[in-house]
C-alpha atoms as a PDB file:
ATOM      1  CA  MET A   1      -2.999-125.789 102.018  1.00  0.00           C
ATOM      2  CA  THR A   2      -4.170-128.969 102.429  1.00  0.00           C
ATOM      3  CA  GLN A   3      -5.365-128.878 105.404  1.00  0.00           C
ATOM      4  CA  PRO A   4      -7.480-125.489 105.913  1.00  0.00           C
ATOM      5  CA  ARG A   5      -9.012-126.058 102.592  1.00  0.00           C
ATOM      6  CA  GLY A   6     -10.595-129.621 104.168  1.00  0.00           C
ATOM      7  CA  ARG A   7     -11.426-127.512 107.245  1.00  0.00           C
ATOM      8  CA  LEU A   8     -13.861-125.420 104.831  1.00  0.00           C
ATOM      9  CA  PHE A   9     -15.440-128.380 102.411  1.00  0.00           C
ATOM     10  CA  ALA A  10     -16.325-129.741 106.382  1.00  0.00           C
ATOM     11  CA  TRP A  11     -17.556-125.739 107.205  1.00  0.00           C
ATOM     12  CA  LEU A  12     -19.573-126.181 103.935  1.00  0.00           C
ATOM     13  CA  ALA A  13     -20.666-129.287 104.742  1.00  0.00           C
ATOM     14  CA  ARG A  14     -22.372-127.924 107.871  1.00  0.00           C
ATOM     15  CA  HIS A  15     -23.370-124.307 106.127  1.00  0.00           C
ATOM     16  CA  PRO A  16     -25.804-126.175 103.934  1.00  0.00           C
ATOM     17  CA  SER A  17     -27.324-122.159 102.972  1.00  0.00           C
ATOM     18  CA  GLU A  18     -23.612-121.108 102.541  1.00  0.00           C
ATOM     19  CA  ALA A  19     -22.726-123.420 100.319  1.00  0.00           C
ATOM     20  CA  GLU A  20     -25.114-123.360  98.331  1.00  0.00           C
ATOM     21  CA  SER A  21     -24.108-120.116  97.946  1.00  0.00           C
ATOM     22  CA  LEU A  22     -21.194-120.800  96.826  1.00  0.00           C
ATOM     23  CA  LYS A  23     -21.963-123.247  94.293  1.00  0.00           C
ATOM     24  CA  ASP A  24     -20.224-121.844  91.162  1.00  0.00           C
ATOM     25  CA  VAL A  25     -17.346-121.118  93.041  1.00  0.00           C
ATOM     26  CA  PRO A  26     -13.884-123.768  91.731  1.00  0.00           C
ATOM     27  CA  PRO A  27     -12.773-125.810  94.414  1.00  0.00           C
ATOM     28  CA  ASP A  28      -9.062-124.546  94.667  1.00  0.00           C
ATOM     29  CA  VAL A  29     -10.664-120.735  94.773  1.00  0.00           C
ATOM     30  CA  LEU A  30     -12.697-121.709  97.605  1.00  0.00           C
ATOM     31  CA  GLY A  31      -9.834-123.706  99.519  1.00  0.00           C
ATOM     32  CA  THR A  32      -7.534-120.159  98.984  1.00  0.00           C
ATOM     33  CA  LEU A  33      -9.751-118.018 100.162  1.00  0.00           C
ATOM     34  CA  TRP A  34     -10.102-120.385 102.829  1.00  0.00           C
ATOM     35  CA  ALA A  35      -6.467-120.404 103.826  1.00  0.00           C
ATOM     36  CA  ASP A  36      -5.899-116.670 102.914  1.00  0.00           C
ATOM     37  CA  ALA A  37      -8.874-115.915 105.810  1.00  0.00           C
ATOM     38  CA  TRP A  38      -7.065-118.183 107.938  1.00  0.00           C
ATOM     39  CA  ARG A  39      -3.867-116.493 107.233  1.00  0.00           C
ATOM     40  CA  GLU A  40      -5.117-113.166 108.546  1.00  0.00           C
ATOM     41  CA  GLY A  41      -6.956-114.188 111.007  1.00  0.00           C
ATOM     42  CA  GLY A  42      -3.349-115.417 112.551  1.00  0.00           C
ATOM     43  CA  ARG A  43      -1.566-111.938 111.480  1.00  0.00           C
ATOM     44  CA  GLN A  44      -4.746-110.897 113.554  1.00  0.00           C
ATOM     45  CA  THR A  45      -4.286-112.849 117.123  1.00  0.00           C
ATOM     46  CA  VAL A  46      -0.617-112.075 116.921  1.00  0.00           C
ATOM     47  CA  HIS A  47      -0.983-108.707 116.495  1.00  0.00           C
ATOM     48  CA  ASP A  48      -3.860-108.772 119.209  1.00  0.00           C
ATOM     49  CA  THR A  49      -1.833-110.684 120.948  1.00  0.00           C
ATOM     50  CA  GLN A  50       1.033-108.254 121.037  1.00  0.00           C
ATOM     51  CA  GLN A  51      -0.879-105.448 122.339  1.00  0.00           C
ATOM     52  CA  TRP A  52      -2.305-107.223 125.547  1.00  0.00           C
ATOM     53  CA  GLY A  53       1.326-108.022 126.289  1.00  0.00           C
ATOM     54  CA  GLN A  54       1.470-104.157 126.040  1.00  0.00           C
ATOM     55  CA  ILE A  55      -0.826-103.441 128.354  1.00  0.00           C
ATOM     56  CA  ILE A  56      -0.051-106.388 130.966  1.00  0.00           C
ATOM     57  CA  GLY A  57       2.819-104.633 131.157  1.00  0.00           C
ATOM     58  CA  GLN A  58       1.766-101.162 131.880  1.00  0.00           C
ATOM     59  CA  LEU A  59      -1.190-102.760 134.338  1.00  0.00           C
ATOM     60  CA  GLN A  60       2.405-104.688 136.661  1.00  0.00           C
ATOM     61  CA  THR A  61       3.836-100.943 136.524  1.00  0.00           C
ATOM     62  CA  VAL A  62       0.802 -99.989 137.866  1.00  0.00           C
ATOM     63  CA  ILE A  63       0.007-102.369 140.487  1.00  0.00           C
ATOM     64  CA  ALA A  64       4.219-101.790 141.645  1.00  0.00           C
ATOM     65  CA  GLY A  65       3.606 -98.545 141.972  1.00  0.00           C
ATOM     66  CA  ALA A  66       0.529 -99.515 144.352  1.00  0.00           C
ATOM     67  CA  GLU A  67       2.041-101.786 146.429  1.00  0.00           C
ATOM     68  CA  GLN A  68       4.724 -99.618 147.007  1.00  0.00           C
ATOM     69  CA  LEU A  69       2.662 -96.242 148.243  1.00  0.00           C
ATOM     70  CA  VAL A  70       0.742 -99.164 149.703  1.00  0.00           C
ATOM     71  CA  SER A  71       4.182-100.205 151.969  1.00  0.00           C
ATOM     72  CA  VAL A  72       5.254 -96.298 152.661  1.00  0.00           C
ATOM     73  CA  LEU A  73       1.751 -95.540 154.116  1.00  0.00           C
ATOM     74  CA  HIS A  74       1.803 -98.647 156.508  1.00  0.00           C
ATOM     75  CA  ASP A  75       5.097 -97.577 157.581  1.00  0.00           C
ATOM     76  CA  ALA A  76       4.358 -94.210 158.267  1.00  0.00           C
ATOM     77  CA  GLU A  77       2.019 -95.103 160.494  1.00  0.00           C
ATOM     78  CA  LEU A  78      -0.484 -92.335 158.995  1.00  0.00           C
ATOM     79  CA  GLU A  79      -3.220 -91.484 161.338  1.00  0.00           C
ATOM     80  CA  GLU A  80      -6.908 -90.975 159.333  1.00  0.00           C
ATOM     81  CA  VAL A  81      -7.034 -87.417 157.550  1.00  0.00           C
ATOM     82  CA  PRO A  82     -10.800 -86.511 158.178  1.00  0.00           C
ATOM     83  CA  PHE A  83     -11.975 -85.494 153.995  1.00  0.00           C
END
């Protein structure tokens, strides 16, 4: 908890208006809130990353199907068909 707590105080030093509004909150409470926020952010990042992994897997399947279709069309040497 030392590292997130240290980051909190560095952040407060760069944001004086927020620091002023939090001046009555005990430092240990601020440190706990900050660490909890970092943990939740990490959980959300893992969740989002998993979703992107699934999307990428689906895109790879679509791309493979498109490549196969292009190959079939190329091999068939189809004539142009007017629409």
